[in-house]
Amino acid sequence: MKFHERMRSLRKEKGMTQKEMAAELGVGYRALQCYEYNERYPDVLGLVAIADYFDISLDYLMGRSDVRERR
């Protein structure tokens, strides 16, 4: 799974809309859409914030691992 697929999947697991998730993460609605539509990536601090919010590893978020837990 790639980053944009993970973002969509994680958001849906929480039962949130794109607008709700954008507000929760402190990003614009259009920015979150771009992440989920594979049009762009968040900056490094944004990636860390997303991983922290979902309590997952960066490797899982970026699709480099299927292990969700942080080490």
PDB file of N, CA and C in Angstrom:
ATOM      1  N   MET A   1       0.840  -1.177   0.000  1.00  0.00           N
ATOM      2  CA  MET A   1       0.000   0.000   0.000  1.00  0.00           C
ATOM      3  C   MET A   1       0.885   1.239   0.000  1.00  0.00           C
ATOM      4  N   LYS A   2       0.514   2.236  -0.746  1.00  0.00           N
ATOM      5  CA  LYS A   2       1.279   3.473  -0.829  1.00  0.00           C
ATOM      6  C   LYS A   2       0.711   4.516   0.126  1.00  0.00           C
ATOM      7  N   PHE A   3       1.458   5.624   0.285  1.00  0.00           N
ATOM      8  CA  PHE A   3       1.072   6.667   1.236  1.00  0.00           C
ATOM      9  C   PHE A   3      -0.368   7.116   1.044  1.00  0.00           C
ATOM     10  N   HIS A   4      -0.761   7.448  -0.176  1.00  0.00           N
ATOM     11  CA  HIS A   4      -2.112   7.977  -0.372  1.00  0.00           C
ATOM     12  C   HIS A   4      -3.182   6.945  -0.017  1.00  0.00           C
ATOM     13  N   GLU A   5      -2.898   5.682  -0.250  1.00  0.00           N
ATOM     14  CA  GLU A   5      -3.847   4.631   0.116  1.00  0.00           C
ATOM     15  C   GLU A   5      -3.925   4.467   1.633  1.00  0.00           C
ATOM     16  N   ARG A   6      -2.774   4.577   2.283  1.00  0.00           N
ATOM     17  CA  ARG A   6      -2.751   4.484   3.753  1.00  0.00           C
ATOM     18  C   ARG A   6      -3.514   5.646   4.372  1.00  0.00           C
ATOM     19  N   MET A   7      -3.310   6.847   3.840  1.00  0.00           N
ATOM     20  CA  MET A   7      -4.020   8.015   4.382  1.00  0.00           C
ATOM     21  C   MET A   7      -5.529   7.805   4.319  1.00  0.00           C
ATOM     22  N   ARG A   8      -6.011   7.403   3.173  1.00  0.00           N
ATOM     23  CA  ARG A   8      -7.456   7.186   3.006  1.00  0.00           C
ATOM     24  C   ARG A   8      -7.952   6.083   3.938  1.00  0.00           C
ATOM     25  N   SER A   9      -7.212   4.991   4.013  1.00  0.00           N
ATOM     26  CA  SER A   9      -7.603   3.865   4.852  1.00  0.00           C
ATOM     27  C   SER A   9      -7.638   4.249   6.330  1.00  0.00           C
ATOM     28  N   LEU A  10      -6.614   4.949   6.787  1.00  0.00           N
ATOM     29  CA  LEU A  10      -6.558   5.374   8.190  1.00  0.00           C
ATOM     30  C   LEU A  10      -7.690   6.334   8.530  1.00  0.00           C
ATOM     31  N   ARG A  11      -7.974   7.255   7.632  1.00  0.00           N
ATOM     32  CA  ARG A  11      -9.076   8.203   7.861  1.00  0.00           C
ATOM     33  C   ARG A  11     -10.404   7.464   7.955  1.00  0.00           C
ATOM     34  N   LYS A  12     -10.621   6.532   7.047  1.00  0.00           N
ATOM     35  CA  LYS A  12     -11.880   5.783   7.041  1.00  0.00           C
ATOM     36  C   LYS A  12     -12.015   4.899   8.277  1.00  0.00           C
ATOM     37  N   GLU A  13     -10.898   4.360   8.780  1.00  0.00           N
ATOM     38  CA  GLU A  13     -10.930   3.575  10.018  1.00  0.00           C
ATOM     39  C   GLU A  13     -11.482   4.411  11.169  1.00  0.00           C
ATOM     40  N   LYS A  14     -11.153   5.692  11.163  1.00  0.00           N
ATOM     41  CA  LYS A  14     -11.632   6.600  12.215  1.00  0.00           C
ATOM     42  C   LYS A  14     -13.048   7.087  11.938  1.00  0.00           C
ATOM     43  N   GLY A  15     -13.577   6.782  10.752  1.00  0.00           N
ATOM     44  CA  GLY A  15     -14.932   7.205  10.410  1.00  0.00           C
ATOM     45  C   GLY A  15     -15.048   8.705  10.194  1.00  0.00           C
ATOM     46  N   MET A  16     -13.988   9.314   9.682  1.00  0.00           N
ATOM     47  CA  MET A  16     -13.959  10.762   9.501  1.00  0.00           C
ATOM     48  C   MET A  16     -14.043  11.133   8.025  1.00  0.00           C
ATOM     49  N   THR A  17     -14.603  12.312   7.763  1.00  0.00           N
ATOM     50  CA  THR A  17     -14.609  12.860   6.414  1.00  0.00           C
ATOM     51  C   THR A  17     -13.249  13.514   6.161  1.00  0.00           C
ATOM     52  N   GLN A  18     -13.006  13.853   4.910  1.00  0.00           N
ATOM     53  CA  GLN A  18     -11.761  14.565   4.591  1.00  0.00           C
ATOM     54  C   GLN A  18     -11.712  15.905   5.315  1.00  0.00           C
ATOM     55  N   LYS A  19     -12.822  16.605   5.381  1.00  0.00           N
ATOM     56  CA  LYS A  19     -12.843  17.909   6.063  1.00  0.00           C
ATOM     57  C   LYS A  19     -12.551  17.756   7.548  1.00  0.00           C
ATOM     58  N   GLU A  20     -13.131  16.746   8.177  1.00  0.00           N
ATOM     59  CA  GLU A  20     -12.888  16.522   9.600  1.00  0.00           C
ATOM     60  C   GLU A  20     -11.417  16.167   9.846  1.00  0.00           C
ATOM     61  N   MET A  21     -10.867  15.309   9.014  1.00  0.00           N
ATOM     62  CA  MET A  21      -9.477  14.900   9.178  1.00  0.00           C
ATOM     63  C   MET A  21      -8.533  16.074   8.945  1.00  0.00           C
ATOM     64  N   ALA A  22      -8.809  16.872   7.945  1.00  0.00           N
ATOM     65  CA  ALA A  22      -7.975  18.046   7.679  1.00  0.00           C
ATOM     66  C   ALA A  22      -7.952  18.968   8.899  1.00  0.00           C
ATOM     67  N   ALA A  23      -9.116  19.204   9.483  1.00  0.00           N
ATOM     68  CA  ALA A  23      -9.193  20.073  10.668  1.00  0.00           C
ATOM     69  C   ALA A  23      -8.425  19.456  11.833  1.00  0.00           C
ATOM     70  N   GLU A  24      -8.555  18.161  12.012  1.00  0.00           N
ATOM     71  CA  GLU A  24      -7.876  17.468  13.102  1.00  0.00           C
ATOM     72  C   GLU A  24      -6.358  17.544  12.955  1.00  0.00           C
ATOM     73  N   LEU A  25      -5.880  17.458  11.724  1.00  0.00           N
ATOM     74  CA  LEU A  25      -4.433  17.491  11.478  1.00  0.00           C
ATOM     75  C   LEU A  25      -3.893  18.910  11.314  1.00  0.00           C
ATOM     76  N   GLY A  26      -4.783  19.893  11.231  1.00  0.00           N
ATOM     77  CA  GLY A  26      -4.342  21.277  11.093  1.00  0.00           C
ATOM     78  C   GLY A  26      -3.841  21.615   9.704  1.00  0.00           C
ATOM     79  N   VAL A  27      -4.412  20.937   8.692  1.00  0.00           N
ATOM     80  CA  VAL A  27      -4.059  21.234   7.304  1.00  0.00           C
ATOM     81  C   VAL A  27      -5.323  21.644   6.555  1.00  0.00           C
ATOM     82  N   GLY A  28      -5.153  22.231   5.414  1.00  0.00           N
ATOM     83  CA  GLY A  28      -6.291  22.620   4.605  1.00  0.00           C
ATOM     84  C   GLY A  28      -6.986  21.406   4.003  1.00  0.00           C
ATOM     85  N   TYR A  29      -8.263  21.555   3.758  1.00  0.00           N
ATOM     86  CA  TYR A  29      -9.059  20.493   3.147  1.00  0.00           C
ATOM     87  C   TYR A  29      -8.459  20.063   1.814  1.00  0.00           C
ATOM     88  N   ARG A  30      -8.068  21.031   0.985  1.00  0.00           N
ATOM     89  CA  ARG A  30      -7.495  20.715  -0.330  1.00  0.00           C
ATOM     90  C   ARG A  30      -6.162  19.980  -0.184  1.00  0.00           C
ATOM     91  N   ALA A  31      -5.375  20.343   0.830  1.00  0.00           N
ATOM     92  CA  ALA A  31      -4.106  19.648   1.064  1.00  0.00           C
ATOM     93  C   ALA A  31      -4.359  18.176   1.361  1.00  0.00           C
ATOM     94  N   LEU A  32      -5.332  17.902   2.224  1.00  0.00           N
ATOM     95  CA  LEU A  32      -5.637  16.519   2.546  1.00  0.00           C
ATOM     96  C   LEU A  32      -6.128  15.772   1.306  1.00  0.00           C
ATOM     97  N   GLN A  33      -6.931  16.415   0.488  1.00  0.00           N
ATOM     98  CA  GLN A  33      -7.369  15.789  -0.758  1.00  0.00           C
ATOM     99  C   GLN A  33      -6.166  15.439  -1.633  1.00  0.00           C
ATOM    100  N   CYS A  34      -5.232  16.356  -1.728  1.00  0.00           N
ATOM    101  CA  CYS A  34      -4.031  16.103  -2.538  1.00  0.00           C
ATOM    102  C   CYS A  34      -3.254  14.903  -2.008  1.00  0.00           C
ATOM    103  N   TYR A  35      -3.173  14.748  -0.690  1.00  0.00           N
ATOM    104  CA  TYR A  35      -2.495  13.590  -0.115  1.00  0.00           C
ATOM    105  C   TYR A  35      -3.207  12.309  -0.535  1.00  0.00           C
ATOM    106  N   GLU A  36      -4.519  12.293  -0.407  1.00  0.00           N
ATOM    107  CA  GLU A  36      -5.284  11.081  -0.702  1.00  0.00           C
ATOM    108  C   GLU A  36      -5.390  10.792  -2.193  1.00  0.00           C
ATOM    109  N   TYR A  37      -5.265  11.803  -3.023  1.00  0.00           N
ATOM    110  CA  TYR A  37      -5.351  11.608  -4.470  1.00  0.00           C
ATOM    111  C   TYR A  37      -3.976  11.445  -5.117  1.00  0.00           C
ATOM    112  N   ASN A  38      -2.940  11.302  -4.262  1.00  0.00           N
ATOM    113  CA  ASN A  38      -1.571  11.084  -4.718  1.00  0.00           C
ATOM    114  C   ASN A  38      -1.047  12.224  -5.590  1.00  0.00           C
ATOM    115  N   GLU A  39      -1.429  13.439  -5.231  1.00  0.00           N
ATOM    116  CA  GLU A  39      -0.971  14.613  -5.973  1.00  0.00           C
ATOM    117  C   GLU A  39       0.206  15.303  -5.295  1.00  0.00           C
ATOM    118  N   ARG A  40       0.342  15.117  -3.972  1.00  0.00           N
ATOM    119  CA  ARG A  40       1.484  15.667  -3.257  1.00  0.00           C
ATOM    120  C   ARG A  40       1.587  15.015  -1.889  1.00  0.00           C
ATOM    121  N   TYR A  41       2.733  15.275  -1.226  1.00  0.00           N
ATOM    122  CA  TYR A  41       2.996  14.735   0.095  1.00  0.00           C
ATOM    123  C   TYR A  41       3.107  15.878   1.100  1.00  0.00           C
ATOM    124  N   PRO A  42       2.820  15.593   2.359  1.00  0.00           N
ATOM    125  CA  PRO A  42       3.090  16.596   3.396  1.00  0.00           C
ATOM    126  C   PRO A  42       4.596  16.754   3.585  1.00  0.00           C
ATOM    127  N   ASP A  43       4.990  17.841   4.219  1.00  0.00           N
ATOM    128  CA  ASP A  43       6.402  18.007   4.550  1.00  0.00           C
ATOM    129  C   ASP A  43       6.757  17.037   5.684  1.00  0.00           C
ATOM    130  N   VAL A  44       8.012  17.018   6.067  1.00  0.00           N
ATOM    131  CA  VAL A  44       8.482  16.067   7.077  1.00  0.00           C
ATOM    132  C   VAL A  44       7.736  16.238   8.394  1.00  0.00           C
ATOM    133  N   LEU A  45       7.566  17.463   8.835  1.00  0.00           N
ATOM    134  CA  LEU A  45       6.847  17.688  10.088  1.00  0.00           C
ATOM    135  C   LEU A  45       5.394  17.229   9.976  1.00  0.00           C
ATOM    136  N   GLY A  46       4.812  17.395   8.814  1.00  0.00           N
ATOM    137  CA  GLY A  46       3.448  16.931   8.585  1.00  0.00           C
ATOM    138  C   GLY A  46       3.352  15.412   8.643  1.00  0.00           C
ATOM    139  N   LEU A  47       4.334  14.733   8.059  1.00  0.00           N
ATOM    140  CA  LEU A  47       4.355  13.267   8.113  1.00  0.00           C
ATOM    141  C   LEU A  47       4.462  12.773   9.552  1.00  0.00           C
ATOM    142  N   VAL A  48       5.328  13.422  10.329  1.00  0.00           N
ATOM    143  CA  VAL A  48       5.492  13.043  11.733  1.00  0.00           C
ATOM    144  C   VAL A  48       4.185  13.281  12.494  1.00  0.00           C
ATOM    145  N   ALA A  49       3.530  14.405  12.241  1.00  0.00           N
ATOM    146  CA  ALA A  49       2.264  14.711  12.915  1.00  0.00           C
ATOM    147  C   ALA A  49       1.189  13.675  12.576  1.00  0.00           C
ATOM    148  N   ILE A  50       1.142  13.255  11.329  1.00  0.00           N
ATOM    149  CA  ILE A  50       0.155  12.249  10.917  1.00  0.00           C
ATOM    150  C   ILE A  50       0.451  10.917  11.605  1.00  0.00           C
ATOM    151  N   ALA A  51       1.715  10.500  11.603  1.00  0.00           N
ATOM    152  CA  ALA A  51       2.095   9.251  12.266  1.00  0.00           C
ATOM    153  C   ALA A  51       1.773   9.314  13.758  1.00  0.00           C
ATOM    154  N   ASP A  52       2.049  10.441  14.388  1.00  0.00           N
ATOM    155  CA  ASP A  52       1.733  10.607  15.811  1.00  0.00           C
ATOM    156  C   ASP A  52       0.224  10.545  16.044  1.00  0.00           C
ATOM    157  N   TYR A  53      -0.540  11.209  15.208  1.00  0.00           N
ATOM    158  CA  TYR A  53      -1.996  11.229  15.363  1.00  0.00           C
ATOM    159  C   TYR A  53      -2.571   9.811  15.320  1.00  0.00           C
ATOM    160  N   PHE A  54      -2.111   9.012  14.372  1.00  0.00           N
ATOM    161  CA  PHE A  54      -2.626   7.659  14.231  1.00  0.00           C
ATOM    162  C   PHE A  54      -1.871   6.639  15.084  1.00  0.00           C
ATOM    163  N   ASP A  55      -0.823   7.090  15.767  1.00  0.00           N
ATOM    164  CA  ASP A  55       0.020   6.241  16.608  1.00  0.00           C
ATOM    165  C   ASP A  55       0.577   5.065  15.799  1.00  0.00           C
ATOM    166  N   ILE A  56       1.181   5.412  14.673  1.00  0.00           N
ATOM    167  CA  ILE A  56       1.775   4.427  13.776  1.00  0.00           C
ATOM    168  C   ILE A  56       3.206   4.836  13.454  1.00  0.00           C
ATOM    169  N   SER A  57       3.948   3.912  12.880  1.00  0.00           N
ATOM    170  CA  SER A  57       5.312   4.242  12.479  1.00  0.00           C
ATOM    171  C   SER A  57       5.307   4.992  11.144  1.00  0.00           C
ATOM    172  N   LEU A  58       6.341   5.753  10.907  1.00  0.00           N
ATOM    173  CA  LEU A  58       6.484   6.429   9.613  1.00  0.00           C
ATOM    174  C   LEU A  58       6.647   5.412   8.487  1.00  0.00           C
ATOM    175  N   ASP A  59       7.323   4.318   8.756  1.00  0.00           N
ATOM    176  CA  ASP A  59       7.473   3.285   7.732  1.00  0.00           C
ATOM    177  C   ASP A  59       6.112   2.735   7.310  1.00  0.00           C
ATOM    178  N   TYR A  60       5.229   2.526   8.263  1.00  0.00           N
ATOM    179  CA  TYR A  60       3.888   2.046   7.924  1.00  0.00           C
ATOM    180  C   TYR A  60       3.136   3.103   7.110  1.00  0.00           C
ATOM    181  N   LEU A  61       3.182   4.331   7.559  1.00  0.00           N
ATOM    182  CA  LEU A  61       2.491   5.415   6.867  1.00  0.00           C
ATOM    183  C   LEU A  61       2.956   5.539   5.425  1.00  0.00           C
ATOM    184  N   MET A  62       4.253   5.390   5.191  1.00  0.00           N
ATOM    185  CA  MET A  62       4.805   5.556   3.854  1.00  0.00           C
ATOM    186  C   MET A  62       4.757   4.273   3.013  1.00  0.00           C
ATOM    187  N   GLY A  63       4.222   3.204   3.574  1.00  0.00           N
ATOM    188  CA  GLY A  63       4.088   1.977   2.815  1.00  0.00           C
ATOM    189  C   GLY A  63       5.350   1.139   2.762  1.00  0.00           C
ATOM    190  N   ARG A  64       6.308   1.439   3.622  1.00  0.00           N
ATOM    191  CA  ARG A  64       7.563   0.686   3.632  1.00  0.00           C
ATOM    192  C   ARG A  64       7.491  -0.549   4.518  1.00  0.00           C
ATOM    193  N   SER A  65       6.430  -0.643   5.312  1.00  0.00           N
ATOM    194  CA  SER A  65       6.248  -1.757   6.218  1.00  0.00           C
ATOM    195  C   SER A  65       4.755  -1.991   6.416  1.00  0.00           C
ATOM    196  N   ASP A  66       4.402  -3.219   6.742  1.00  0.00           N
ATOM    197  CA  ASP A  66       3.025  -3.524   7.082  1.00  0.00           C
ATOM    198  C   ASP A  66       2.820  -3.618   8.594  1.00  0.00           C
ATOM    199  N   VAL A  67       3.861  -3.278   9.341  1.00  0.00           N
ATOM    200  CA  VAL A  67       3.796  -3.286  10.800  1.00  0.00           C
ATOM    201  C   VAL A  67       3.416  -1.887  11.256  1.00  0.00           C
ATOM    202  N   ARG A  68       2.258  -1.777  11.911  1.00  0.00           N
ATOM    203  CA  ARG A  68       1.740  -0.465  12.324  1.00  0.00           C
ATOM    204  C   ARG A  68       2.475   0.116  13.519  1.00  0.00           C
ATOM    205  N   GLU A  69       2.917  -0.732  14.435  1.00  0.00           N
ATOM    206  CA  GLU A  69       3.457  -0.260  15.703  1.00  0.00           C
ATOM    207  C   GLU A  69       4.776   0.476  15.532  1.00  0.00           C
ATOM    208  N   ARG A  70       4.939   1.432  16.403  1.00  0.00           N
ATOM    209  CA  ARG A  70       6.233   2.135  16.444  1.00  0.00           C
ATOM    210  C   ARG A  70       7.219   1.263  17.188  1.00  0.00           C
ATOM    211  N   ARG A  71       8.479   1.479  16.915  1.00  0.00           N
ATOM    212  CA  ARG A  71       9.516   0.716  17.627  1.00  0.00           C
ATOM    213  C   ARG A  71      10.039   1.486  18.775  1.00  0.00           C
TER     214      ARG A  71
END
